[in-house]
Full PDB file with SEQRES, HELIX, SHEET, SSBOND, CRYST1, ORIGX, SCALE, CONECT and MASTER records, all heavy atoms in Angstrom:
SEQRES   1 A   44  ASN ALA LEU VAL PRO LYS THR MET HIS ASN HIS GLY ASN          
SEQRES   2 A   44  TYR ILE ILE SER VAL GLY ASN LEU ALA ARG TRP LEU ALA          
SEQRES   3 A   44  GLY ARG ALA GLU GLU LEU GLY VAL GLU ILE PHE PRO GLY          
SEQRES   4 A   44  PHE ALA ALA SER GLU                                          
HELIX    1 AA1 LYS A    6  MET A    8  5                                   3    
HELIX    2 AA2 VAL A   18  LEU A   32  1                                  15    
CRYST1    1.000    1.000    1.000  90.00  90.00  90.00 P 1           1          
ORIGX1      1.000000  0.000000  0.000000        0.00000                         
ORIGX2      0.000000  1.000000  0.000000        0.00000                         
ORIGX3      0.000000  0.000000  1.000000        0.00000                         
SCALE1      1.000000  0.000000  0.000000        0.00000                         
SCALE2      0.000000  1.000000  0.000000        0.00000                         
SCALE3      0.000000  0.000000  1.000000        0.00000                         
ATOM      1  N   ASN A   1       0.814  -1.213   0.000  1.00  0.00           N  
ATOM      2  CA  ASN A   1       0.000   0.000   0.000  1.00  0.00           C  
ATOM      3  C   ASN A   1       0.847   1.262   0.000  1.00  0.00           C  
ATOM      4  O   ASN A   1       0.450   2.289  -0.540  1.00  0.00           O  
ATOM      5  CB  ASN A   1      -0.944   0.008   1.203  1.00  0.00           C  
ATOM      6  CG  ASN A   1      -2.196  -0.830   0.953  1.00  0.00           C  
ATOM      7  OD1 ASN A   1      -2.540  -1.104  -0.197  1.00  0.00           O  
ATOM      8  ND2 ASN A   1      -2.855  -1.244   2.013  1.00  0.00           N  
ATOM      9  N   ALA A   2       2.029   1.177   0.606  1.00  0.00           N  
ATOM     10  CA  ALA A   2       2.894   2.354   0.690  1.00  0.00           C  
ATOM     11  C   ALA A   2       3.366   2.819  -0.678  1.00  0.00           C  
ATOM     12  O   ALA A   2       3.756   3.975  -0.846  1.00  0.00           O  
ATOM     13  CB  ALA A   2       4.094   2.060   1.581  1.00  0.00           C  
ATOM     14  N   LEU A   3       3.338   1.917  -1.667  1.00  0.00           N  
ATOM     15  CA  LEU A   3       3.798   2.258  -3.011  1.00  0.00           C  
ATOM     16  C   LEU A   3       2.655   2.501  -3.992  1.00  0.00           C  
ATOM     17  O   LEU A   3       2.881   2.645  -5.183  1.00  0.00           O  
ATOM     18  CB  LEU A   3       4.706   1.143  -3.549  1.00  0.00           C  
ATOM     19  CG  LEU A   3       6.007   0.907  -2.776  1.00  0.00           C  
ATOM     20  CD1 LEU A   3       6.817  -0.207  -3.422  1.00  0.00           C  
ATOM     21  CD2 LEU A   3       6.831   2.184  -2.679  1.00  0.00           C  
ATOM     22  N   VAL A   4       1.440   2.556  -3.474  1.00  0.00           N  
ATOM     23  CA  VAL A   4       0.255   2.753  -4.311  1.00  0.00           C  
ATOM     24  C   VAL A   4      -0.155   4.224  -4.252  1.00  0.00           C  
ATOM     25  O   VAL A   4      -0.178   4.813  -3.162  1.00  0.00           O  
ATOM     26  CB  VAL A   4      -0.902   1.864  -3.820  1.00  0.00           C  
ATOM     27  CG1 VAL A   4      -2.205   2.204  -4.547  1.00  0.00           C  
ATOM     28  CG2 VAL A   4      -0.548   0.395  -4.018  1.00  0.00           C  
ATOM     29  N   PRO A   5      -0.455   4.864  -5.392  1.00  0.00           N  
ATOM     30  CA  PRO A   5      -0.974   6.238  -5.337  1.00  0.00           C  
ATOM     31  C   PRO A   5      -2.166   6.308  -4.397  1.00  0.00           C  
ATOM     32  O   PRO A   5      -3.076   5.472  -4.453  1.00  0.00           O  
ATOM     33  CB  PRO A   5      -1.379   6.528  -6.788  1.00  0.00           C  
ATOM     34  CG  PRO A   5      -0.485   5.651  -7.607  1.00  0.00           C  
ATOM     35  CD  PRO A   5      -0.316   4.398  -6.792  1.00  0.00           C  
ATOM     36  N   LYS A   6      -2.155   7.291  -3.515  1.00  0.00           N  
ATOM     37  CA  LYS A   6      -3.178   7.331  -2.460  1.00  0.00           C  
ATOM     38  C   LYS A   6      -4.588   7.501  -3.013  1.00  0.00           C  
ATOM     39  O   LYS A   6      -5.569   7.217  -2.321  1.00  0.00           O  
ATOM     40  CB  LYS A   6      -2.867   8.415  -1.446  1.00  0.00           C  
ATOM     41  CG  LYS A   6      -2.842   9.829  -1.989  1.00  0.00           C  
ATOM     42  CD  LYS A   6      -2.462  10.808  -0.888  1.00  0.00           C  
ATOM     43  CE  LYS A   6      -2.440  12.248  -1.387  1.00  0.00           C  
ATOM     44  NZ  LYS A   6      -2.045  13.185  -0.303  1.00  0.00           N  
ATOM     45  N   THR A   7      -4.696   7.961  -4.267  1.00  0.00           N  
ATOM     46  CA  THR A   7      -6.021   8.077  -4.880  1.00  0.00           C  
ATOM     47  C   THR A   7      -6.678   6.717  -5.078  1.00  0.00           C  
ATOM     48  O   THR A   7      -7.888   6.643  -5.297  1.00  0.00           O  
ATOM     49  CB  THR A   7      -5.926   8.781  -6.239  1.00  0.00           C  
ATOM     50  OG1 THR A   7      -4.983   8.088  -7.063  1.00  0.00           O  
ATOM     51  CG2 THR A   7      -5.490  10.229  -6.077  1.00  0.00           C  
ATOM     52  N   MET A   8      -5.872   5.658  -5.028  1.00  0.00           N  
ATOM     53  CA  MET A   8      -6.411   4.312  -5.243  1.00  0.00           C  
ATOM     54  C   MET A   8      -6.858   3.653  -3.946  1.00  0.00           C  
ATOM     55  O   MET A   8      -7.334   2.518  -3.956  1.00  0.00           O  
ATOM     56  CB  MET A   8      -5.362   3.439  -5.923  1.00  0.00           C  
ATOM     57  CG  MET A   8      -4.903   3.937  -7.280  1.00  0.00           C  
ATOM     58  SD  MET A   8      -6.198   3.850  -8.521  1.00  0.00           S  
ATOM     59  CE  MET A   8      -6.358   2.077  -8.711  1.00  0.00           C  
ATOM     60  N   HIS A   9      -6.681   4.318  -2.818  1.00  0.00           N  
ATOM     61  CA  HIS A   9      -7.119   3.762  -1.536  1.00  0.00           C  
ATOM     62  C   HIS A   9      -8.609   4.026  -1.359  1.00  0.00           C  
ATOM     63  O   HIS A   9      -9.097   5.113  -1.672  1.00  0.00           O  
ATOM     64  CB  HIS A   9      -6.329   4.383  -0.388  1.00  0.00           C  
ATOM     65  CG  HIS A   9      -4.865   4.071  -0.443  1.00  0.00           C  
ATOM     66  ND1 HIS A   9      -3.927   4.723   0.331  1.00  0.00           N  
ATOM     67  CD2 HIS A   9      -4.165   3.177  -1.173  1.00  0.00           C  
ATOM     68  CE1 HIS A   9      -2.721   4.252   0.076  1.00  0.00           C  
ATOM     69  NE2 HIS A   9      -2.845   3.308  -0.838  1.00  0.00           N  
ATOM     70  N   ASN A  10      -9.351   3.062  -0.832  1.00  0.00           N  
ATOM     71  CA  ASN A  10     -10.822   3.139  -0.835  1.00  0.00           C  
ATOM     72  C   ASN A  10     -11.460   3.040   0.539  1.00  0.00           C  
ATOM     73  O   ASN A  10     -12.637   2.694   0.654  1.00  0.00           O  
ATOM     74  CB  ASN A  10     -11.375   2.030  -1.744  1.00  0.00           C  
ATOM     75  CG  ASN A  10     -11.157   2.338  -3.209  1.00  0.00           C  
ATOM     76  OD1 ASN A  10     -11.742   3.267  -3.754  1.00  0.00           O  
ATOM     77  ND2 ASN A  10     -10.271   1.587  -3.846  1.00  0.00           N  
ATOM     78  N   HIS A  11     -10.692   3.342   1.583  1.00  0.00           N  
ATOM     79  CA  HIS A  11     -11.272   3.340   2.928  1.00  0.00           C  
ATOM     80  C   HIS A  11     -12.429   4.343   3.002  1.00  0.00           C  
ATOM     81  O   HIS A  11     -12.293   5.493   2.571  1.00  0.00           O  
ATOM     82  CB  HIS A  11     -10.211   3.708   3.969  1.00  0.00           C  
ATOM     83  CG  HIS A  11     -10.750   3.798   5.368  1.00  0.00           C  
ATOM     84  ND1 HIS A  11     -11.081   2.665   6.100  1.00  0.00           N  
ATOM     85  CD2 HIS A  11     -11.029   4.867   6.152  1.00  0.00           C  
ATOM     86  CE1 HIS A  11     -11.528   3.048   7.282  1.00  0.00           C  
ATOM     87  NE2 HIS A  11     -11.511   4.373   7.345  1.00  0.00           N  
ATOM     88  N   GLY A  12     -13.566   3.907   3.503  1.00  0.00           N  
ATOM     89  CA  GLY A  12     -14.739   4.770   3.624  1.00  0.00           C  
ATOM     90  C   GLY A  12     -15.644   4.767   2.419  1.00  0.00           C  
ATOM     91  O   GLY A  12     -16.706   5.406   2.443  1.00  0.00           O  
ATOM     92  N   ASN A  13     -15.251   4.056   1.358  1.00  0.00           N  
ATOM     93  CA  ASN A  13     -16.072   3.988   0.149  1.00  0.00           C  
ATOM     94  C   ASN A  13     -16.958   2.740   0.147  1.00  0.00           C  
ATOM     95  O   ASN A  13     -16.819   1.860   1.006  1.00  0.00           O  
ATOM     96  CB  ASN A  13     -15.178   4.002  -1.097  1.00  0.00           C  
ATOM     97  CG  ASN A  13     -14.404   5.302  -1.229  1.00  0.00           C  
ATOM     98  OD1 ASN A  13     -14.834   6.339  -0.740  1.00  0.00           O  
ATOM     99  ND2 ASN A  13     -13.258   5.242  -1.893  1.00  0.00           N  
ATOM    100  N   TYR A  14     -17.840   2.663  -0.848  1.00  0.00           N  
ATOM    101  CA  TYR A  14     -18.787   1.558  -0.956  1.00  0.00           C  
ATOM    102  C   TYR A  14     -18.728   0.930  -2.347  1.00  0.00           C  
ATOM    103  O   TYR A  14     -18.534   1.637  -3.351  1.00  0.00           O  
ATOM    104  CB  TYR A  14     -20.221   2.047  -0.716  1.00  0.00           C  
ATOM    105  CG  TYR A  14     -20.525   2.427   0.713  1.00  0.00           C  
ATOM    106  CD1 TYR A  14     -20.107   3.651   1.220  1.00  0.00           C  
ATOM    107  CD2 TYR A  14     -21.219   1.564   1.559  1.00  0.00           C  
ATOM    108  CE1 TYR A  14     -20.383   4.019   2.530  1.00  0.00           C  
ATOM    109  CE2 TYR A  14     -21.500   1.911   2.874  1.00  0.00           C  
ATOM    110  CZ  TYR A  14     -21.077   3.142   3.351  1.00  0.00           C  
ATOM    111  OH  TYR A  14     -21.350   3.495   4.647  1.00  0.00           O  
ATOM    112  N   ILE A  15     -18.902  -0.378  -2.412  1.00  0.00           N  
ATOM    113  CA  ILE A  15     -19.093  -1.073  -3.687  1.00  0.00           C  
ATOM    114  C   ILE A  15     -20.586  -1.032  -3.994  1.00  0.00           C  
ATOM    115  O   ILE A  15     -21.403  -1.507  -3.199  1.00  0.00           O  
ATOM    116  CB  ILE A  15     -18.606  -2.528  -3.605  1.00  0.00           C  
ATOM    117  CG1 ILE A  15     -17.127  -2.589  -3.211  1.00  0.00           C  
ATOM    118  CG2 ILE A  15     -18.819  -3.246  -4.936  1.00  0.00           C  
ATOM    119  CD1 ILE A  15     -16.645  -3.992  -2.855  1.00  0.00           C  
ATOM    120  N   ILE A  16     -20.947  -0.473  -5.153  1.00  0.00           N  
ATOM    121  CA  ILE A  16     -22.363  -0.273  -5.438  1.00  0.00           C  
ATOM    122  C   ILE A  16     -22.689  -0.623  -6.894  1.00  0.00           C  
ATOM    123  O   ILE A  16     -21.801  -0.783  -7.731  1.00  0.00           O  
ATOM    124  CB  ILE A  16     -22.798   1.189  -5.192  1.00  0.00           C  
ATOM    125  CG1 ILE A  16     -22.181   2.136  -6.241  1.00  0.00           C  
ATOM    126  CG2 ILE A  16     -22.447   1.650  -3.790  1.00  0.00           C  
ATOM    127  CD1 ILE A  16     -22.836   3.502  -6.286  1.00  0.00           C  
ATOM    128  N   SER A  17     -23.967  -0.708  -7.169  1.00  0.00           N  
ATOM    129  CA  SER A  17     -24.501  -0.689  -8.530  1.00  0.00           C  
ATOM    130  C   SER A  17     -24.947   0.741  -8.810  1.00  0.00           C  
ATOM    131  O   SER A  17     -25.845   1.266  -8.134  1.00  0.00           O  
ATOM    132  CB  SER A  17     -25.695  -1.638  -8.663  1.00  0.00           C  
ATOM    133  OG  SER A  17     -26.516  -1.260  -9.754  1.00  0.00           O  
ATOM    134  N   VAL A  18     -24.312   1.399  -9.780  1.00  0.00           N  
ATOM    135  CA  VAL A  18     -24.693   2.775 -10.106  1.00  0.00           C  
ATOM    136  C   VAL A  18     -26.095   2.812 -10.714  1.00  0.00           C  
ATOM    137  O   VAL A  18     -26.835   3.780 -10.535  1.00  0.00           O  
ATOM    138  CB  VAL A  18     -23.654   3.422 -11.038  1.00  0.00           C  
ATOM    139  CG1 VAL A  18     -24.064   4.838 -11.409  1.00  0.00           C  
ATOM    140  CG2 VAL A  18     -22.291   3.462 -10.355  1.00  0.00           C  
ATOM    141  N   GLY A  19     -26.482   1.742 -11.422  1.00  0.00           N  
ATOM    142  CA  GLY A  19     -27.841   1.670 -11.936  1.00  0.00           C  
ATOM    143  C   GLY A  19     -28.861   1.722 -10.813  1.00  0.00           C  
ATOM    144  O   GLY A  19     -29.877   2.423 -10.901  1.00  0.00           O  
ATOM    145  N   ASN A  20     -28.594   0.985  -9.735  1.00  0.00           N  
ATOM    146  CA  ASN A  20     -29.516   0.992  -8.597  1.00  0.00           C  
ATOM    147  C   ASN A  20     -29.482   2.327  -7.860  1.00  0.00           C  
ATOM    148  O   ASN A  20     -30.505   2.781  -7.330  1.00  0.00           O  
ATOM    149  CB  ASN A  20     -29.179  -0.152  -7.649  1.00  0.00           C  
ATOM    150  CG  ASN A  20     -29.560  -1.504  -8.227  1.00  0.00           C  
ATOM    151  OD1 ASN A  20     -30.377  -1.582  -9.149  1.00  0.00           O  
ATOM    152  ND2 ASN A  20     -28.973  -2.571  -7.723  1.00  0.00           N  
ATOM    153  N   LEU A  21     -28.299   2.964  -7.815  1.00  0.00           N  
ATOM    154  CA  LEU A  21     -28.223   4.304  -7.223  1.00  0.00           C  
ATOM    155  C   LEU A  21     -29.084   5.273  -8.028  1.00  0.00           C  
ATOM    156  O   LEU A  21     -29.805   6.108  -7.456  1.00  0.00           O  
ATOM    157  CB  LEU A  21     -26.773   4.778  -7.182  1.00  0.00           C  
ATOM    158  CG  LEU A  21     -26.565   6.212  -6.684  1.00  0.00           C  
ATOM    159  CD1 LEU A  21     -26.996   6.358  -5.237  1.00  0.00           C  
ATOM    160  CD2 LEU A  21     -25.112   6.647  -6.862  1.00  0.00           C  
ATOM    161  N   ALA A  22     -29.027   5.170  -9.363  1.00  0.00           N  
ATOM    162  CA  ALA A  22     -29.838   6.048 -10.206  1.00  0.00           C  
ATOM    163  C   ALA A  22     -31.328   5.818  -9.958  1.00  0.00           C  
ATOM    164  O   ALA A  22     -32.119   6.776  -9.916  1.00  0.00           O  
ATOM    165  CB  ALA A  22     -29.503   5.829 -11.678  1.00  0.00           C  
ATOM    166  N   ARG A  23     -31.718   4.563  -9.791  1.00  0.00           N  
ATOM    167  CA  ARG A  23     -33.135   4.277  -9.530  1.00  0.00           C  
ATOM    168  C   ARG A  23     -33.578   4.909  -8.210  1.00  0.00           C  
ATOM    169  O   ARG A  23     -34.682   5.446  -8.104  1.00  0.00           O  
ATOM    170  CB  ARG A  23     -33.361   2.765  -9.534  1.00  0.00           C  
ATOM    171  CG  ARG A  23     -33.158   2.121 -10.901  1.00  0.00           C  
ATOM    172  CD  ARG A  23     -33.355   0.603 -10.859  1.00  0.00           C  
ATOM    173  NE  ARG A  23     -33.206   0.024 -12.187  1.00  0.00           N  
ATOM    174  CZ  ARG A  23     -32.094  -0.559 -12.648  1.00  0.00           C  
ATOM    175  NH1 ARG A  23     -31.032  -0.654 -11.866  1.00  0.00           N  
ATOM    176  NH2 ARG A  23     -32.037  -1.042 -13.872  1.00  0.00           N  
ATOM    177  N   TRP A  24     -32.706   4.845  -7.210  1.00  0.00           N  
ATOM    178  CA  TRP A  24     -33.034   5.456  -5.924  1.00  0.00           C  
ATOM    179  C   TRP A  24     -33.110   6.977  -6.048  1.00  0.00           C  
ATOM    180  O   TRP A  24     -34.027   7.615  -5.529  1.00  0.00           O  
ATOM    181  CB  TRP A  24     -31.975   5.048  -4.888  1.00  0.00           C  
ATOM    182  CG  TRP A  24     -32.222   5.589  -3.516  1.00  0.00           C  
ATOM    183  CD1 TRP A  24     -33.077   5.098  -2.575  1.00  0.00           C  
ATOM    184  CD2 TRP A  24     -31.601   6.750  -2.941  1.00  0.00           C  
ATOM    185  NE1 TRP A  24     -33.031   5.865  -1.431  1.00  0.00           N  
ATOM    186  CE2 TRP A  24     -32.135   6.886  -1.626  1.00  0.00           C  
ATOM    187  CE3 TRP A  24     -30.665   7.662  -3.386  1.00  0.00           C  
ATOM    188  CZ2 TRP A  24     -31.742   7.925  -0.778  1.00  0.00           C  
ATOM    189  CZ3 TRP A  24     -30.272   8.699  -2.545  1.00  0.00           C  
ATOM    190  CH2 TRP A  24     -30.806   8.812  -1.257  1.00  0.00           C  
ATOM    191  N   LEU A  25     -32.153   7.575  -6.766  1.00  0.00           N  
ATOM    192  CA  LEU A  25     -32.172   9.019  -6.968  1.00  0.00           C  
ATOM    193  C   LEU A  25     -33.427   9.446  -7.727  1.00  0.00           C  
ATOM    194  O   LEU A  25     -34.002  10.509  -7.451  1.00  0.00           O  
ATOM    195  CB  LEU A  25     -30.927   9.456  -7.740  1.00  0.00           C  
ATOM    196  CG  LEU A  25     -29.604   9.469  -6.981  1.00  0.00           C  
ATOM    197  CD1 LEU A  25     -28.437   9.705  -7.936  1.00  0.00           C  
ATOM    198  CD2 LEU A  25     -29.606  10.528  -5.881  1.00  0.00           C  
ATOM    199  N   ALA A  26     -33.853   8.625  -8.692  1.00  0.00           N  
ATOM    200  CA  ALA A  26     -35.063   8.947  -9.445  1.00  0.00           C  
ATOM    201  C   ALA A  26     -36.279   8.987  -8.525  1.00  0.00           C  
ATOM    202  O   ALA A  26     -37.148   9.856  -8.659  1.00  0.00           O  
ATOM    203  CB  ALA A  26     -35.272   7.937 -10.568  1.00  0.00           C  
ATOM    204  N   GLY A  27     -36.336   8.054  -7.581  1.00  0.00           N  
ATOM    205  CA  GLY A  27     -37.433   8.060  -6.618  1.00  0.00           C  
ATOM    206  C   GLY A  27     -37.440   9.316  -5.772  1.00  0.00           C  
ATOM    207  O   GLY A  27     -38.496   9.928  -5.536  1.00  0.00           O  
ATOM    208  N   ARG A  28     -36.257   9.739  -5.315  1.00  0.00           N  
ATOM    209  CA  ARG A  28     -36.161  10.965  -4.522  1.00  0.00           C  
ATOM    210  C   ARG A  28     -36.547  12.188  -5.364  1.00  0.00           C  
ATOM    211  O   ARG A  28     -37.206  13.110  -4.879  1.00  0.00           O  
ATOM    212  CB  ARG A  28     -34.748  11.134  -3.965  1.00  0.00           C  
ATOM    213  CG  ARG A  28     -34.284  10.051  -2.994  1.00  0.00           C  
ATOM    214  CD  ARG A  28     -35.128   9.951  -1.731  1.00  0.00           C  
ATOM    215  NE  ARG A  28     -35.142  11.143  -0.924  1.00  0.00           N  
ATOM    216  CZ  ARG A  28     -34.386  11.337   0.179  1.00  0.00           C  
ATOM    217  NH1 ARG A  28     -33.537  10.392   0.572  1.00  0.00           N  
ATOM    218  NH2 ARG A  28     -34.489  12.452   0.887  1.00  0.00           N  
ATOM    219  N   ALA A  29     -36.127  12.171  -6.636  1.00  0.00           N  
ATOM    220  CA  ALA A  29     -36.452  13.288  -7.520  1.00  0.00           C  
ATOM    221  C   ALA A  29     -37.963  13.405  -7.722  1.00  0.00           C  
ATOM    222  O   ALA A  29     -38.529  14.512  -7.679  1.00  0.00           O  
ATOM    223  CB  ALA A  29     -35.750  13.114  -8.862  1.00  0.00           C  
ATOM    224  N   GLU A  30     -38.633  12.286  -7.938  1.00  0.00           N  
ATOM    225  CA  GLU A  30     -40.080  12.314  -8.143  1.00  0.00           C  
ATOM    226  C   GLU A  30     -40.802  12.764  -6.876  1.00  0.00           C  
ATOM    227  O   GLU A  30     -41.809  13.476  -6.951  1.00  0.00           O  
ATOM    228  CB  GLU A  30     -40.561  10.945  -8.600  1.00  0.00           C  
ATOM    229  CG  GLU A  30     -40.129  10.622 -10.033  1.00  0.00           C  
ATOM    230  CD  GLU A  30     -40.547   9.244 -10.494  1.00  0.00           C  
ATOM    231  OE1 GLU A  30     -40.556   8.308  -9.662  1.00  0.00           O  
ATOM    232  OE2 GLU A  30     -40.855   9.094 -11.690  1.00  0.00           O  
ATOM    233  N   GLU A  31     -40.285  12.372  -5.712  1.00  0.00           N  
ATOM    234  CA  GLU A  31     -40.874  12.849  -4.455  1.00  0.00           C  
ATOM    235  C   GLU A  31     -40.803  14.369  -4.353  1.00  0.00           C  
ATOM    236  O   GLU A  31     -41.687  15.009  -3.773  1.00  0.00           O  
ATOM    237  CB  GLU A  31     -40.141  12.228  -3.265  1.00  0.00           C  
ATOM    238  CG  GLU A  31     -40.386  10.740  -3.081  1.00  0.00           C  
ATOM    239  CD  GLU A  31     -39.463  10.137  -2.016  1.00  0.00           C  
ATOM    240  OE1 GLU A  31     -38.710  10.914  -1.372  1.00  0.00           O  
ATOM    241  OE2 GLU A  31     -39.485   8.907  -1.838  1.00  0.00           O  
ATOM    242  N   LEU A  32     -39.752  14.937  -4.935  1.00  0.00           N  
ATOM    243  CA  LEU A  32     -39.561  16.387  -4.894  1.00  0.00           C  
ATOM    244  C   LEU A  32     -40.346  17.112  -5.992  1.00  0.00           C  
ATOM    245  O   LEU A  32     -40.381  18.343  -6.013  1.00  0.00           O  
ATOM    246  CB  LEU A  32     -38.073  16.710  -5.035  1.00  0.00           C  
ATOM    247  CG  LEU A  32     -37.203  16.382  -3.820  1.00  0.00           C  
ATOM    248  CD1 LEU A  32     -35.726  16.356  -4.202  1.00  0.00           C  
ATOM    249  CD2 LEU A  32     -37.453  17.402  -2.693  1.00  0.00           C  
ATOM    250  N   GLY A  33     -40.939  16.353  -6.935  1.00  0.00           N  
ATOM    251  CA  GLY A  33     -41.763  16.967  -7.970  1.00  0.00           C  
ATOM    252  C   GLY A  33     -41.180  16.975  -9.361  1.00  0.00           C  
ATOM    253  O   GLY A  33     -41.725  17.630 -10.259  1.00  0.00           O  
ATOM    254  N   VAL A  34     -40.095  16.256  -9.587  1.00  0.00           N  
ATOM    255  CA  VAL A  34     -39.507  16.174 -10.921  1.00  0.00           C  
ATOM    256  C   VAL A  34     -40.336  15.218 -11.785  1.00  0.00           C  
ATOM    257  O   VAL A  34     -40.761  14.159 -11.324  1.00  0.00           O  
ATOM    258  CB  VAL A  34     -38.047  15.669 -10.840  1.00  0.00           C  
ATOM    259  CG1 VAL A  34     -37.451  15.489 -12.231  1.00  0.00           C  
ATOM    260  CG2 VAL A  34     -37.197  16.622 -10.014  1.00  0.00           C  
ATOM    261  N   GLU A  35     -40.538  15.583 -13.032  1.00  0.00           N  
ATOM    262  CA  GLU A  35     -41.182  14.678 -13.989  1.00  0.00           C  
ATOM    263  C   GLU A  35     -40.090  13.911 -14.743  1.00  0.00           C  
ATOM    264  O   GLU A  35     -39.195  14.537 -15.333  1.00  0.00           O  
ATOM    265  CB  GLU A  35     -42.050  15.455 -14.973  1.00  0.00           C  
ATOM    266  CG  GLU A  35     -43.251  16.122 -14.331  1.00  0.00           C  
ATOM    267  CD  GLU A  35     -44.195  16.712 -15.359  1.00  0.00           C  
ATOM    268  OE1 GLU A  35     -44.662  15.943 -16.236  1.00  0.00           O  
ATOM    269  OE2 GLU A  35     -44.466  17.927 -15.303  1.00  0.00           O  
ATOM    270  N   ILE A  36     -40.157  12.590 -14.731  1.00  0.00           N  
ATOM    271  CA  ILE A  36     -39.164  11.749 -15.397  1.00  0.00           C  
ATOM    272  C   ILE A  36     -39.867  10.943 -16.480  1.00  0.00           C  
ATOM    273  O   ILE A  36     -40.861  10.261 -16.218  1.00  0.00           O  
ATOM    274  CB  ILE A  36     -38.452  10.815 -14.395  1.00  0.00           C  
ATOM    275  CG1 ILE A  36     -37.764  11.645 -13.308  1.00  0.00           C  
ATOM    276  CG2 ILE A  36     -37.431   9.927 -15.119  1.00  0.00           C  
ATOM    277  CD1 ILE A  36     -37.077  10.813 -12.231  1.00  0.00           C  
ATOM    278  N   PHE A  37     -39.327  11.022 -17.704  1.00  0.00           N  
ATOM    279  CA  PHE A  37     -39.902  10.317 -18.851  1.00  0.00           C  
ATOM    280  C   PHE A  37     -38.905   9.284 -19.361  1.00  0.00           C  
ATOM    281  O   PHE A  37     -38.080   9.582 -20.229  1.00  0.00           O  
ATOM    282  CB  PHE A  37     -40.237  11.291 -19.980  1.00  0.00           C  
ATOM    283  CG  PHE A  37     -41.217  12.368 -19.624  1.00  0.00           C  
ATOM    284  CD1 PHE A  37     -41.156  13.608 -20.240  1.00  0.00           C  
ATOM    285  CD2 PHE A  37     -42.214  12.159 -18.677  1.00  0.00           C  
ATOM    286  CE1 PHE A  37     -42.061  14.610 -19.930  1.00  0.00           C  
ATOM    287  CE2 PHE A  37     -43.129  13.152 -18.354  1.00  0.00           C  
ATOM    288  CZ  PHE A  37     -43.055  14.384 -18.985  1.00  0.00           C  
ATOM    289  N   PRO A  38     -38.950   8.033 -18.857  1.00  0.00           N  
ATOM    290  CA  PRO A  38     -38.077   6.995 -19.415  1.00  0.00           C  
ATOM    291  C   PRO A  38     -38.645   6.450 -20.715  1.00  0.00           C  
ATOM    292  O   PRO A  38     -39.857   6.530 -20.964  1.00  0.00           O  
ATOM    293  CB  PRO A  38     -38.077   5.923 -18.316  1.00  0.00           C  
ATOM    294  CG  PRO A  38     -39.392   6.086 -17.621  1.00  0.00           C  
ATOM    295  CD  PRO A  38     -39.735   7.549 -17.710  1.00  0.00           C  
ATOM    296  N   GLY A  39     -37.752   5.910 -21.554  1.00  0.00           N  
ATOM    297  CA  GLY A  39     -38.177   5.326 -22.817  1.00  0.00           C  
ATOM    298  C   GLY A  39     -38.337   6.325 -23.935  1.00  0.00           C  
ATOM    299  O   GLY A  39     -38.864   5.996 -24.996  1.00  0.00           O  
ATOM    300  N   PHE A  40     -37.877   7.558 -23.716  1.00  0.00           N  
ATOM    301  CA  PHE A  40     -37.965   8.598 -24.746  1.00  0.00           C  
ATOM    302  C   PHE A  40     -36.574   9.157 -25.010  1.00  0.00           C  
ATOM    303  O   PHE A  40     -35.921   9.669 -24.094  1.00  0.00           O  
ATOM    304  CB  PHE A  40     -38.913   9.720 -24.309  1.00  0.00           C  
ATOM    305  CG  PHE A  40     -40.351   9.286 -24.222  1.00  0.00           C  
ATOM    306  CD1 PHE A  40     -40.883   8.845 -23.017  1.00  0.00           C  
ATOM    307  CD2 PHE A  40     -41.160   9.285 -25.342  1.00  0.00           C  
ATOM    308  CE1 PHE A  40     -42.196   8.437 -22.925  1.00  0.00           C  
ATOM    309  CE2 PHE A  40     -42.478   8.877 -25.270  1.00  0.00           C  
ATOM    310  CZ  PHE A  40     -43.000   8.437 -24.057  1.00  0.00           C  
ATOM    311  N   ALA A  41     -36.132   9.043 -26.249  1.00  0.00           N  
ATOM    312  CA  ALA A  41     -34.777   9.455 -26.612  1.00  0.00           C  
ATOM    313  C   ALA A  41     -34.768  10.888 -27.125  1.00  0.00           C  
ATOM    314  O   ALA A  41     -35.546  11.245 -28.013  1.00  0.00           O  
ATOM    315  CB  ALA A  41     -34.214   8.520 -27.681  1.00  0.00           C  
ATOM    316  N   ALA A  42     -33.873  11.697 -26.567  1.00  0.00           N  
ATOM    317  CA  ALA A  42     -33.656  13.042 -27.095  1.00  0.00           C  
ATOM    318  C   ALA A  42     -32.846  12.913 -28.375  1.00  0.00           C  
ATOM    319  O   ALA A  42     -31.673  12.569 -28.350  1.00  0.00           O  
ATOM    320  CB  ALA A  42     -32.912  13.888 -26.068  1.00  0.00           C  
ATOM    321  N   SER A  43     -33.485  13.182 -29.517  1.00  0.00           N  
ATOM    322  CA  SER A  43     -32.846  12.882 -30.794  1.00  0.00           C  
ATOM    323  C   SER A  43     -32.226  14.090 -31.470  1.00  0.00           C  
ATOM    324  O   SER A  43     -31.273  13.951 -32.238  1.00  0.00           O  
ATOM    325  CB  SER A  43     -33.861  12.241 -31.749  1.00  0.00           C  
ATOM    326  OG  SER A  43     -34.894  13.155 -32.067  1.00  0.00           O  
ATOM    327  N   GLU A  44     -32.778  15.295 -31.221  1.00  0.00           N  
ATOM    328  CA  GLU A  44     -32.278  16.475 -31.915  1.00  0.00           C  
ATOM    329  C   GLU A  44     -32.281  17.677 -30.985  1.00  0.00           C  
ATOM    330  O   GLU A  44     -33.087  17.756 -30.050  1.00  0.00           O  
ATOM    331  CB  GLU A  44     -33.143  16.809 -33.146  1.00  0.00           C  
ATOM    332  CG  GLU A  44     -33.106  15.767 -34.242  1.00  0.00           C  
ATOM    333  CD  GLU A  44     -33.979  16.162 -35.430  1.00  0.00           C  
ATOM    334  OE1 GLU A  44     -34.162  17.392 -35.640  1.00  0.00           O  
ATOM    335  OE2 GLU A  44     -34.483  15.247 -36.107  1.00  0.00           O  
TER     336      GLU A  44                                                      
MASTER        0    0    0    2    0    0    0    6  335    1    0    4          
END                                                                             
């Protein structure tokens, strides 16, 4: 560890699914009044 760049140390961090984090954030956003439209692609 002494020879590893300290940016690579992960004490205090979590292993997560970012997809699941996004789903949770979407729930919080909707509680706050955000309108979310999945399945619609911004094309232009």
